[in-house]
Amino acid sequence: VWRLLRRRRHGPPQASLPAPRRRANLRRAYALSV
């Protein structure tokens, strides 16, 4: 198990969003944790 990623931006849960807004919610949300 390699924990290479971190979630750097907090936003609403994906499950609460309609499909078109999900990608926008994740823009720059993940980064390398290394």
Full PDB file with SEQRES, HELIX, SHEET, SSBOND, CRYST1, ORIGX, SCALE, CONECT and MASTER records, all heavy atoms in Angstrom:
SEQRES   1 A   34  VAL TRP ARG LEU LEU ARG ARG ARG ARG HIS GLY PRO PRO          
SEQRES   2 A   34  GLN ALA SER LEU PRO ALA PRO ARG ARG ARG ALA ASN LEU          
SEQRES   3 A   34  ARG ARG ALA TYR ALA LEU SER VAL                              
HELIX    1 AA1 GLN A   14  SER A   16  5                                   3    
HELIX    2 AA2 ALA A   19  ASN A   25  1                                   7    
SHEET    1 AA1 2 LEU A   5  ARG A   7  0                                        
SHEET    2 AA1 2 TYR A  30  LEU A  32 -1                                        
CRYST1    1.000    1.000    1.000  90.00  90.00  90.00 P 1           1          
ORIGX1      1.000000  0.000000  0.000000        0.00000                         
ORIGX2      0.000000  1.000000  0.000000        0.00000                         
ORIGX3      0.000000  0.000000  1.000000        0.00000                         
SCALE1      1.000000  0.000000  0.000000        0.00000                         
SCALE2      0.000000  1.000000  0.000000        0.00000                         
SCALE3      0.000000  0.000000  1.000000        0.00000                         
ATOM      1  N   VAL A   1       0.863  -1.181   0.000  1.00  0.00           N  
ATOM      2  CA  VAL A   1       0.000   0.000   0.000  1.00  0.00           C  
ATOM      3  C   VAL A   1       0.899   1.229   0.000  1.00  0.00           C  
ATOM      4  O   VAL A   1       1.686   1.421   0.921  1.00  0.00           O  
ATOM      5  CB  VAL A   1      -0.937   0.022   1.235  1.00  0.00           C  
ATOM      6  CG1 VAL A   1      -1.789   1.283   1.234  1.00  0.00           C  
ATOM      7  CG2 VAL A   1      -1.803  -1.224   1.274  1.00  0.00           C  
ATOM      8  N   TRP A   2       0.777   2.031  -1.035  1.00  0.00           N  
ATOM      9  CA  TRP A   2       1.526   3.284  -1.126  1.00  0.00           C  
ATOM     10  C   TRP A   2       0.541   4.434  -0.979  1.00  0.00           C  
ATOM     11  O   TRP A   2      -0.366   4.597  -1.782  1.00  0.00           O  
ATOM     12  CB  TRP A   2       2.244   3.397  -2.467  1.00  0.00           C  
ATOM     13  CG  TRP A   2       3.335   2.391  -2.687  1.00  0.00           C  
ATOM     14  CD1 TRP A   2       3.870   1.528  -1.777  1.00  0.00           C  
ATOM     15  CD2 TRP A   2       4.021   2.140  -3.909  1.00  0.00           C  
ATOM     16  NE1 TRP A   2       4.835   0.759  -2.365  1.00  0.00           N  
ATOM     17  CE2 TRP A   2       4.961   1.114  -3.674  1.00  0.00           C  
ATOM     18  CE3 TRP A   2       3.933   2.674  -5.194  1.00  0.00           C  
ATOM     19  CZ2 TRP A   2       5.800   0.621  -4.661  1.00  0.00           C  
ATOM     20  CZ3 TRP A   2       4.765   2.191  -6.183  1.00  0.00           C  
ATOM     21  CH2 TRP A   2       5.699   1.179  -5.912  1.00  0.00           C  
ATOM     22  N   ARG A   3       0.720   5.231   0.026  1.00  0.00           N  
ATOM     23  CA  ARG A   3      -0.154   6.393   0.260  1.00  0.00           C  
ATOM     24  C   ARG A   3       0.477   7.600  -0.434  1.00  0.00           C  
ATOM     25  O   ARG A   3       1.031   8.470   0.227  1.00  0.00           O  
ATOM     26  CB  ARG A   3      -0.366   6.584   1.745  1.00  0.00           C  
ATOM     27  CG  ARG A   3      -1.175   5.452   2.343  1.00  0.00           C  
ATOM     28  CD  ARG A   3      -1.212   5.451   3.857  1.00  0.00           C  
ATOM     29  NE  ARG A   3      -1.905   4.268   4.329  1.00  0.00           N  
ATOM     30  CZ  ARG A   3      -1.303   3.094   4.560  1.00  0.00           C  
ATOM     31  NH1 ARG A   3      -0.005   2.953   4.360  1.00  0.00           N  
ATOM     32  NH2 ARG A   3      -2.007   2.057   4.987  1.00  0.00           N  
ATOM     33  N   LEU A   4       0.372   7.612  -1.756  1.00  0.00           N  
ATOM     34  CA  LEU A   4       1.046   8.619  -2.569  1.00  0.00           C  
ATOM     35  C   LEU A   4       0.259   9.911  -2.722  1.00  0.00           C  
ATOM     36  O   LEU A   4       0.818  10.921  -3.132  1.00  0.00           O  
ATOM     37  CB  LEU A   4       1.309   8.064  -3.980  1.00  0.00           C  
ATOM     38  CG  LEU A   4       2.220   6.850  -4.080  1.00  0.00           C  
ATOM     39  CD1 LEU A   4       2.337   6.403  -5.537  1.00  0.00           C  
ATOM     40  CD2 LEU A   4       3.585   7.168  -3.509  1.00  0.00           C  
ATOM     41  N   LEU A   5      -1.025   9.878  -2.411  1.00  0.00           N  
ATOM     42  CA  LEU A   5      -1.879  11.037  -2.648  1.00  0.00           C  
ATOM     43  C   LEU A   5      -2.379  11.639  -1.352  1.00  0.00           C  
ATOM     44  O   LEU A   5      -2.542  10.947  -0.352  1.00  0.00           O  
ATOM     45  CB  LEU A   5      -3.082  10.638  -3.503  1.00  0.00           C  
ATOM     46  CG  LEU A   5      -2.786  10.134  -4.902  1.00  0.00           C  
ATOM     47  CD1 LEU A   5      -4.057   9.575  -5.532  1.00  0.00           C  
ATOM     48  CD2 LEU A   5      -2.201  11.240  -5.755  1.00  0.00           C  
ATOM     49  N   ARG A   6      -2.655  12.928  -1.434  1.00  0.00           N  
ATOM     50  CA  ARG A   6      -3.333  13.599  -0.326  1.00  0.00           C  
ATOM     51  C   ARG A   6      -4.431  14.472  -0.918  1.00  0.00           C  
ATOM     52  O   ARG A   6      -4.313  14.955  -2.051  1.00  0.00           O  
ATOM     53  CB  ARG A   6      -2.367  14.430   0.515  1.00  0.00           C  
ATOM     54  CG  ARG A   6      -1.741  15.579  -0.212  1.00  0.00           C  
ATOM     55  CD  ARG A   6      -0.703  16.309   0.660  1.00  0.00           C  
ATOM     56  NE  ARG A   6       0.022  17.267  -0.119  1.00  0.00           N  
ATOM     57  CZ  ARG A   6      -0.353  18.535  -0.295  1.00  0.00           C  
ATOM     58  NH1 ARG A   6      -1.465  18.986   0.275  1.00  0.00           N  
ATOM     59  NH2 ARG A   6       0.357  19.354  -1.035  1.00  0.00           N  
ATOM     60  N   ARG A   7      -5.496  14.619  -0.180  1.00  0.00           N  
ATOM     61  CA  ARG A   7      -6.592  15.501  -0.602  1.00  0.00           C  
ATOM     62  C   ARG A   7      -6.284  16.854   0.001  1.00  0.00           C  
ATOM     63  O   ARG A   7      -6.296  17.023   1.219  1.00  0.00           O  
ATOM     64  CB  ARG A   7      -7.928  14.939  -0.098  1.00  0.00           C  
ATOM     65  CG  ARG A   7      -9.136  15.810  -0.350  1.00  0.00           C  
ATOM     66  CD  ARG A   7      -9.698  15.592  -1.733  1.00  0.00           C  
ATOM     67  NE  ARG A   7     -10.711  16.584  -2.020  1.00  0.00           N  
ATOM     68  CZ  ARG A   7     -11.950  16.292  -2.377  1.00  0.00           C  
ATOM     69  NH1 ARG A   7     -12.322  15.043  -2.503  1.00  0.00           N  
ATOM     70  NH2 ARG A   7     -12.804  17.247  -2.619  1.00  0.00           N  
ATOM     71  N   ARG A   8      -5.960  17.825  -0.843  1.00  0.00           N  
ATOM     72  CA  ARG A   8      -5.518  19.113  -0.315  1.00  0.00           C  
ATOM     73  C   ARG A   8      -6.624  20.156  -0.263  1.00  0.00           C  
ATOM     74  O   ARG A   8      -6.461  21.186   0.373  1.00  0.00           O  
ATOM     75  CB  ARG A   8      -4.337  19.636  -1.122  1.00  0.00           C  
ATOM     76  CG  ARG A   8      -4.652  19.951  -2.556  1.00  0.00           C  
ATOM     77  CD  ARG A   8      -3.428  20.484  -3.249  1.00  0.00           C  
ATOM     78  NE  ARG A   8      -3.697  20.692  -4.661  1.00  0.00           N  
ATOM     79  CZ  ARG A   8      -2.778  21.012  -5.518  1.00  0.00           C  
ATOM     80  NH1 ARG A   8      -1.535  21.143  -5.125  1.00  0.00           N  
ATOM     81  NH2 ARG A   8      -3.087  21.192  -6.772  1.00  0.00           N  
ATOM     82  N   ARG A   9      -7.710  19.923  -0.959  1.00  0.00           N  
ATOM     83  CA  ARG A   9      -8.799  20.887  -0.960  1.00  0.00           C  
ATOM     84  C   ARG A   9     -10.061  20.212  -0.467  1.00  0.00           C  
ATOM     85  O   ARG A   9     -10.435  19.165  -0.951  1.00  0.00           O  
ATOM     86  CB  ARG A   9      -9.001  21.430  -2.384  1.00  0.00           C  
ATOM     87  CG  ARG A   9      -9.675  22.772  -2.425  1.00  0.00           C  
ATOM     88  CD  ARG A   9      -9.647  23.375  -3.819  1.00  0.00           C  
ATOM     89  NE  ARG A   9     -10.153  22.512  -4.871  1.00  0.00           N  
ATOM     90  CZ  ARG A   9     -11.423  22.176  -5.035  1.00  0.00           C  
ATOM     91  NH1 ARG A   9     -12.332  22.612  -4.204  1.00  0.00           N  
ATOM     92  NH2 ARG A   9     -11.790  21.405  -6.026  1.00  0.00           N  
ATOM     93  N   HIS A  10     -10.696  20.841   0.526  1.00  0.00           N  
ATOM     94  CA  HIS A  10     -11.920  20.292   1.095  1.00  0.00           C  
ATOM     95  C   HIS A  10     -13.114  20.882   0.353  1.00  0.00           C  
ATOM     96  O   HIS A  10     -13.171  22.072   0.099  1.00  0.00           O  
ATOM     97  CB  HIS A  10     -11.991  20.639   2.578  1.00  0.00           C  
ATOM     98  CG  HIS A  10     -13.128  19.995   3.308  1.00  0.00           C  
ATOM     99  ND1 HIS A  10     -13.337  18.637   3.298  1.00  0.00           N  
ATOM    100  CD2 HIS A  10     -14.115  20.517   4.064  1.00  0.00           C  
ATOM    101  CE1 HIS A  10     -14.400  18.353   4.033  1.00  0.00           C  
ATOM    102  NE2 HIS A  10     -14.892  19.479   4.495  1.00  0.00           N  
ATOM    103  N   GLY A  11     -14.048  20.047  -0.009  1.00  0.00           N  
ATOM    104  CA  GLY A  11     -15.258  20.509  -0.693  1.00  0.00           C  
ATOM    105  C   GLY A  11     -16.414  19.641  -0.278  1.00  0.00           C  
ATOM    106  O   GLY A  11     -16.265  18.736   0.554  1.00  0.00           O  
ATOM    107  N   PRO A  12     -17.566  19.880  -0.871  1.00  0.00           N  
ATOM    108  CA  PRO A  12     -18.717  19.050  -0.527  1.00  0.00           C  
ATOM    109  C   PRO A  12     -18.483  17.608  -0.974  1.00  0.00           C  
ATOM    110  O   PRO A  12     -17.728  17.368  -1.916  1.00  0.00           O  
ATOM    111  CB  PRO A  12     -19.872  19.692  -1.304  1.00  0.00           C  
ATOM    112  CG  PRO A  12     -19.233  20.502  -2.379  1.00  0.00           C  
ATOM    113  CD  PRO A  12     -17.872  20.888  -1.880  1.00  0.00           C  
ATOM    114  N   PRO A  13     -19.095  16.650  -0.301  1.00  0.00           N  
ATOM    115  CA  PRO A  13     -18.948  15.249  -0.725  1.00  0.00           C  
ATOM    116  C   PRO A  13     -19.422  15.080  -2.164  1.00  0.00           C  
ATOM    117  O   PRO A  13     -20.435  15.658  -2.564  1.00  0.00           O  
ATOM    118  CB  PRO A  13     -19.841  14.473   0.242  1.00  0.00           C  
ATOM    119  CG  PRO A  13     -20.097  15.389   1.390  1.00  0.00           C  
ATOM    120  CD  PRO A  13     -19.971  16.783   0.857  1.00  0.00           C  
ATOM    121  N   GLN A  14     -18.702  14.281  -2.922  1.00  0.00           N  
ATOM    122  CA  GLN A  14     -19.066  14.040  -4.319  1.00  0.00           C  
ATOM    123  C   GLN A  14     -20.490  13.510  -4.444  1.00  0.00           C  
ATOM    124  O   GLN A  14     -21.206  13.846  -5.370  1.00  0.00           O  
ATOM    125  CB  GLN A  14     -18.092  13.044  -4.954  1.00  0.00           C  
ATOM    126  CG  GLN A  14     -16.712  13.606  -5.218  1.00  0.00           C  
ATOM    127  CD  GLN A  14     -16.700  14.653  -6.308  1.00  0.00           C  
ATOM    128  OE1 GLN A  14     -16.826  15.835  -6.053  1.00  0.00           O  
ATOM    129  NE2 GLN A  14     -16.549  14.203  -7.529  1.00  0.00           N  
ATOM    130  N   ALA A  15     -20.882  12.657  -3.499  1.00  0.00           N  
ATOM    131  CA  ALA A  15     -22.214  12.041  -3.570  1.00  0.00           C  
ATOM    132  C   ALA A  15     -23.328  13.074  -3.501  1.00  0.00           C  
ATOM    133  O   ALA A  15     -24.438  12.815  -3.952  1.00  0.00           O  
ATOM    134  CB  ALA A  15     -22.374  11.023  -2.446  1.00  0.00           C  
ATOM    135  N   SER A  16     -23.039  14.258  -2.964  1.00  0.00           N  
ATOM    136  CA  SER A  16     -24.077  15.282  -2.841  1.00  0.00           C  
ATOM    137  C   SER A  16     -24.185  16.161  -4.079  1.00  0.00           C  
ATOM    138  O   SER A  16     -25.049  17.031  -4.138  1.00  0.00           O  
ATOM    139  CB  SER A  16     -23.794  16.159  -1.619  1.00  0.00           C  
ATOM    140  OG  SER A  16     -22.647  16.975  -1.851  1.00  0.00           O  
ATOM    141  N   LEU A  17     -23.311  15.943  -5.070  1.00  0.00           N  
ATOM    142  CA  LEU A  17     -23.277  16.817  -6.243  1.00  0.00           C  
ATOM    143  C   LEU A  17     -23.831  16.129  -7.483  1.00  0.00           C  
ATOM    144  O   LEU A  17     -23.633  14.932  -7.669  1.00  0.00           O  
ATOM    145  CB  LEU A  17     -21.831  17.237  -6.535  1.00  0.00           C  
ATOM    146  CG  LEU A  17     -21.128  18.033  -5.448  1.00  0.00           C  
ATOM    147  CD1 LEU A  17     -19.672  18.243  -5.833  1.00  0.00           C  
ATOM    148  CD2 LEU A  17     -21.816  19.362  -5.219  1.00  0.00           C  
ATOM    149  N   PRO A  18     -24.462  16.909  -8.362  1.00  0.00           N  
ATOM    150  CA  PRO A  18     -24.871  16.336  -9.647  1.00  0.00           C  
ATOM    151  C   PRO A  18     -23.628  16.061 -10.492  1.00  0.00           C  
ATOM    152  O   PRO A  18     -22.580  16.686 -10.314  1.00  0.00           O  
ATOM    153  CB  PRO A  18     -25.743  17.432 -10.273  1.00  0.00           C  
ATOM    154  CG  PRO A  18     -25.355  18.698  -9.585  1.00  0.00           C  
ATOM    155  CD  PRO A  18     -24.865  18.302  -8.212  1.00  0.00           C  
ATOM    156  N   ALA A  19     -23.737  15.141 -11.411  1.00  0.00           N  
ATOM    157  CA  ALA A  19     -22.588  14.708 -12.211  1.00  0.00           C  
ATOM    158  C   ALA A  19     -21.792  15.848 -12.837  1.00  0.00           C  
ATOM    159  O   ALA A  19     -20.561  15.833 -12.763  1.00  0.00           O  
ATOM    160  CB  ALA A  19     -23.052  13.717 -13.278  1.00  0.00           C  
ATOM    161  N   PRO A  20     -22.406  16.859 -13.437  1.00  0.00           N  
ATOM    162  CA  PRO A  20     -21.613  17.907 -14.082  1.00  0.00           C  
ATOM    163  C   PRO A  20     -20.721  18.698 -13.116  1.00  0.00           C  
ATOM    164  O   PRO A  20     -19.689  19.220 -13.511  1.00  0.00           O  
ATOM    165  CB  PRO A  20     -22.656  18.830 -14.706  1.00  0.00           C  
ATOM    166  CG  PRO A  20     -23.894  18.018 -14.825  1.00  0.00           C  
ATOM    167  CD  PRO A  20     -23.831  17.025 -13.703  1.00  0.00           C  
ATOM    168  N   ARG A  21     -21.092  18.782 -11.843  1.00  0.00           N  
ATOM    169  CA  ARG A  21     -20.304  19.556 -10.879  1.00  0.00           C  
ATOM    170  C   ARG A  21     -19.197  18.745 -10.220  1.00  0.00           C  
ATOM    171  O   ARG A  21     -18.325  19.301  -9.563  1.00  0.00           O  
ATOM    172  CB  ARG A  21     -21.231  20.103  -9.792  1.00  0.00           C  
ATOM    173  CG  ARG A  21     -22.180  21.152 -10.358  1.00  0.00           C  
ATOM    174  CD  ARG A  21     -22.541  22.280  -9.430  1.00  0.00           C  
ATOM    175  NE  ARG A  21     -21.614  22.603  -8.398  1.00  0.00           N  
ATOM    176  CZ  ARG A  21     -21.958  22.720  -7.109  1.00  0.00           C  
ATOM    177  NH1 ARG A  21     -23.183  22.504  -6.720  1.00  0.00           N  
ATOM    178  NH2 ARG A  21     -21.047  23.056  -6.209  1.00  0.00           N  
ATOM    179  N   ARG A  22     -19.200  17.428 -10.386  1.00  0.00           N  
ATOM    180  CA  ARG A  22     -18.220  16.594  -9.700  1.00  0.00           C  
ATOM    181  C   ARG A  22     -16.795  16.870 -10.158  1.00  0.00           C  
ATOM    182  O   ARG A  22     -15.888  16.958  -9.343  1.00  0.00           O  
ATOM    183  CB  ARG A  22     -18.564  15.118  -9.865  1.00  0.00           C  
ATOM    184  CG  ARG A  22     -19.818  14.761  -9.087  1.00  0.00           C  
ATOM    185  CD  ARG A  22     -20.216  13.323  -9.285  1.00  0.00           C  
ATOM    186  NE  ARG A  22     -21.464  13.081  -8.591  1.00  0.00           N  
ATOM    187  CZ  ARG A  22     -21.712  12.024  -7.860  1.00  0.00           C  
ATOM    188  NH1 ARG A  22     -20.816  11.081  -7.737  1.00  0.00           N  
ATOM    189  NH2 ARG A  22     -22.865  11.879  -7.265  1.00  0.00           N  
ATOM    190  N   ARG A  23     -16.574  16.989 -11.456  1.00  0.00           N  
ATOM    191  CA  ARG A  23     -15.219  17.261 -11.957  1.00  0.00           C  
ATOM    192  C   ARG A  23     -14.719  18.617 -11.473  1.00  0.00           C  
ATOM    193  O   ARG A  23     -13.571  18.751 -11.070  1.00  0.00           O  
ATOM    194  CB  ARG A  23     -15.174  17.176 -13.475  1.00  0.00           C  
ATOM    195  CG  ARG A  23     -15.298  15.754 -13.950  1.00  0.00           C  
ATOM    196  CD  ARG A  23     -14.836  15.536 -15.367  1.00  0.00           C  
ATOM    197  NE  ARG A  23     -15.251  14.231 -15.846  1.00  0.00           N  
ATOM    198  CZ  ARG A  23     -14.676  13.092 -15.535  1.00  0.00           C  
ATOM    199  NH1 ARG A  23     -13.646  13.059 -14.741  1.00  0.00           N  
ATOM    200  NH2 ARG A  23     -15.136  11.942 -16.013  1.00  0.00           N  
ATOM    201  N   ALA A  24     -15.570  19.627 -11.506  1.00  0.00           N  
ATOM    202  CA  ALA A  24     -15.176  20.957 -11.035  1.00  0.00           C  
ATOM    203  C   ALA A  24     -14.837  20.931  -9.543  1.00  0.00           C  
ATOM    204  O   ALA A  24     -13.900  21.595  -9.107  1.00  0.00           O  
ATOM    205  CB  ALA A  24     -16.300  21.965 -11.303  1.00  0.00           C  
ATOM    206  N   ASN A  25     -15.563  20.153  -8.772  1.00  0.00           N  
ATOM    207  CA  ASN A  25     -15.313  20.036  -7.340  1.00  0.00           C  
ATOM    208  C   ASN A  25     -13.935  19.434  -7.050  1.00  0.00           C  
ATOM    209  O   ASN A  25     -13.354  19.684  -6.004  1.00  0.00           O  
ATOM    210  CB  ASN A  25     -16.410  19.174  -6.700  1.00  0.00           C  
ATOM    211  CG  ASN A  25     -16.289  19.094  -5.194  1.00  0.00           C  
ATOM    212  OD1 ASN A  25     -16.139  20.096  -4.509  1.00  0.00           O  
ATOM    213  ND2 ASN A  25     -16.354  17.884  -4.671  1.00  0.00           N  
ATOM    214  N   LEU A  26     -13.413  18.657  -7.984  1.00  0.00           N  
ATOM    215  CA  LEU A  26     -12.136  17.967  -7.770  1.00  0.00           C  
ATOM    216  C   LEU A  26     -10.950  18.664  -8.416  1.00  0.00           C  
ATOM    217  O   LEU A  26      -9.825  18.193  -8.311  1.00  0.00           O  
ATOM    218  CB  LEU A  26     -12.233  16.536  -8.299  1.00  0.00           C  
ATOM    219  CG  LEU A  26     -13.202  15.659  -7.526  1.00  0.00           C  
ATOM    220  CD1 LEU A  26     -13.385  14.332  -8.226  1.00  0.00           C  
ATOM    221  CD2 LEU A  26     -12.725  15.460  -6.107  1.00  0.00           C  
ATOM    222  N   ARG A  27     -11.187  19.797  -9.088  1.00  0.00           N  
ATOM    223  CA  ARG A  27     -10.085  20.493  -9.742  1.00  0.00           C  
ATOM    224  C   ARG A  27      -9.026  20.865  -8.701  1.00  0.00           C  
ATOM    225  O   ARG A  27      -9.319  21.493  -7.704  1.00  0.00           O  
ATOM    226  CB  ARG A  27     -10.612  21.739 -10.449  1.00  0.00           C  
ATOM    227  CG  ARG A  27      -9.655  22.260 -11.500  1.00  0.00           C  
ATOM    228  CD  ARG A  27     -10.294  23.265 -12.428  1.00  0.00           C  
ATOM    229  NE  ARG A  27     -11.274  22.624 -13.292  1.00  0.00           N  
ATOM    230  CZ  ARG A  27     -12.559  22.961 -13.334  1.00  0.00           C  
ATOM    231  NH1 ARG A  27     -13.032  23.911 -12.591  1.00  0.00           N  
ATOM    232  NH2 ARG A  27     -13.380  22.319 -14.149  1.00  0.00           N  
ATOM    233  N   ARG A  28      -7.825  20.391  -8.914  1.00  0.00           N  
ATOM    234  CA  ARG A  28      -6.664  20.621  -8.027  1.00  0.00           C  
ATOM    235  C   ARG A  28      -6.911  20.149  -6.590  1.00  0.00           C  
ATOM    236  O   ARG A  28      -6.343  20.683  -5.651  1.00  0.00           O  
ATOM    237  CB  ARG A  28      -6.244  22.083  -8.062  1.00  0.00           C  
ATOM    238  CG  ARG A  28      -5.727  22.526  -9.411  1.00  0.00           C  
ATOM    239  CD  ARG A  28      -5.268  23.963  -9.428  1.00  0.00           C  
ATOM    240  NE  ARG A  28      -6.316  24.941  -9.170  1.00  0.00           N  
ATOM    241  CZ  ARG A  28      -7.232  25.343 -10.043  1.00  0.00           C  
ATOM    242  NH1 ARG A  28      -7.235  24.861 -11.247  1.00  0.00           N  
ATOM    243  NH2 ARG A  28      -8.130  26.237  -9.710  1.00  0.00           N  
ATOM    244  N   ALA A  29      -7.779  19.162  -6.419  1.00  0.00           N  
ATOM    245  CA  ALA A  29      -8.087  18.665  -5.073  1.00  0.00           C  
ATOM    246  C   ALA A  29      -7.050  17.665  -4.576  1.00  0.00           C  
ATOM    247  O   ALA A  29      -6.884  17.496  -3.372  1.00  0.00           O  
ATOM    248  CB  ALA A  29      -9.467  18.022  -5.055  1.00  0.00           C  
ATOM    249  N   TYR A  30      -6.336  16.991  -5.487  1.00  0.00           N  
ATOM    250  CA  TYR A  30      -5.365  15.965  -5.087  1.00  0.00           C  
ATOM    251  C   TYR A  30      -3.951  16.390  -5.454  1.00  0.00           C  
ATOM    252  O   TYR A  30      -3.731  17.056  -6.462  1.00  0.00           O  
ATOM    253  CB  TYR A  30      -5.689  14.620  -5.755  1.00  0.00           C  
ATOM    254  CG  TYR A  30      -7.016  14.068  -5.307  1.00  0.00           C  
ATOM    255  CD1 TYR A  30      -8.152  14.216  -6.087  1.00  0.00           C  
ATOM    256  CD2 TYR A  30      -7.135  13.421  -4.081  1.00  0.00           C  
ATOM    257  CE1 TYR A  30      -9.369  13.729  -5.669  1.00  0.00           C  
ATOM    258  CE2 TYR A  30      -8.356  12.939  -3.652  1.00  0.00           C  
ATOM    259  CZ  TYR A  30      -9.467  13.096  -4.448  1.00  0.00           C  
ATOM    260  OH  TYR A  30     -10.685  12.625  -4.030  1.00  0.00           O  
ATOM    261  N   ALA A  31      -3.022  15.969  -4.623  1.00  0.00           N  
ATOM    262  CA  ALA A  31      -1.607  16.241  -4.870  1.00  0.00           C  
ATOM    263  C   ALA A  31      -0.806  15.067  -4.346  1.00  0.00           C  
ATOM    264  O   ALA A  31      -1.312  14.245  -3.571  1.00  0.00           O  
ATOM    265  CB  ALA A  31      -1.170  17.523  -4.166  1.00  0.00           C  
ATOM    266  N   LEU A  32       0.451  14.995  -4.757  1.00  0.00           N  
ATOM    267  CA  LEU A  32       1.326  13.956  -4.215  1.00  0.00           C  
ATOM    268  C   LEU A  32       1.562  14.223  -2.745  1.00  0.00           C  
ATOM    269  O   LEU A  32       1.732  15.368  -2.337  1.00  0.00           O  
ATOM    270  CB  LEU A  32       2.671  13.953  -4.941  1.00  0.00           C  
ATOM    271  CG  LEU A  32       2.712  13.318  -6.301  1.00  0.00           C  
ATOM    272  CD1 LEU A  32       4.142  13.345  -6.836  1.00  0.00           C  
ATOM    273  CD2 LEU A  32       2.211  11.896  -6.269  1.00  0.00           C  
ATOM    274  N   SER A  33       1.598  13.187  -1.961  1.00  0.00           N  
ATOM    275  CA  SER A  33       1.870  13.350  -0.533  1.00  0.00           C  
ATOM    276  C   SER A  33       3.340  13.133  -0.235  1.00  0.00           C  
ATOM    277  O   SER A  33       3.775  13.326   0.881  1.00  0.00           O  
ATOM    278  CB  SER A  33       1.029  12.365   0.286  1.00  0.00           C  
ATOM    279  OG  SER A  33       1.402  11.045  -0.030  1.00  0.00           O  
ATOM    280  N   VAL A  34       4.099  12.752  -1.253  1.00  0.00           N  
ATOM    281  CA  VAL A  34       5.516  12.450  -1.057  1.00  0.00           C  
ATOM    282  C   VAL A  34       6.285  13.757  -0.988  1.00  0.00           C  
ATOM    283  O   VAL A  34       6.380  14.489  -1.960  1.00  0.00           O  
ATOM    284  CB  VAL A  34       6.051  11.568  -2.210  1.00  0.00           C  
ATOM    285  CG1 VAL A  34       7.515  11.294  -2.031  1.00  0.00           C  
ATOM    286  CG2 VAL A  34       5.254  10.285  -2.292  1.00  0.00           C  
TER     287      VAL A  34                                                      
MASTER        0    0    0    2    2    0    0    6  286    1    0    3          
END                                                                             
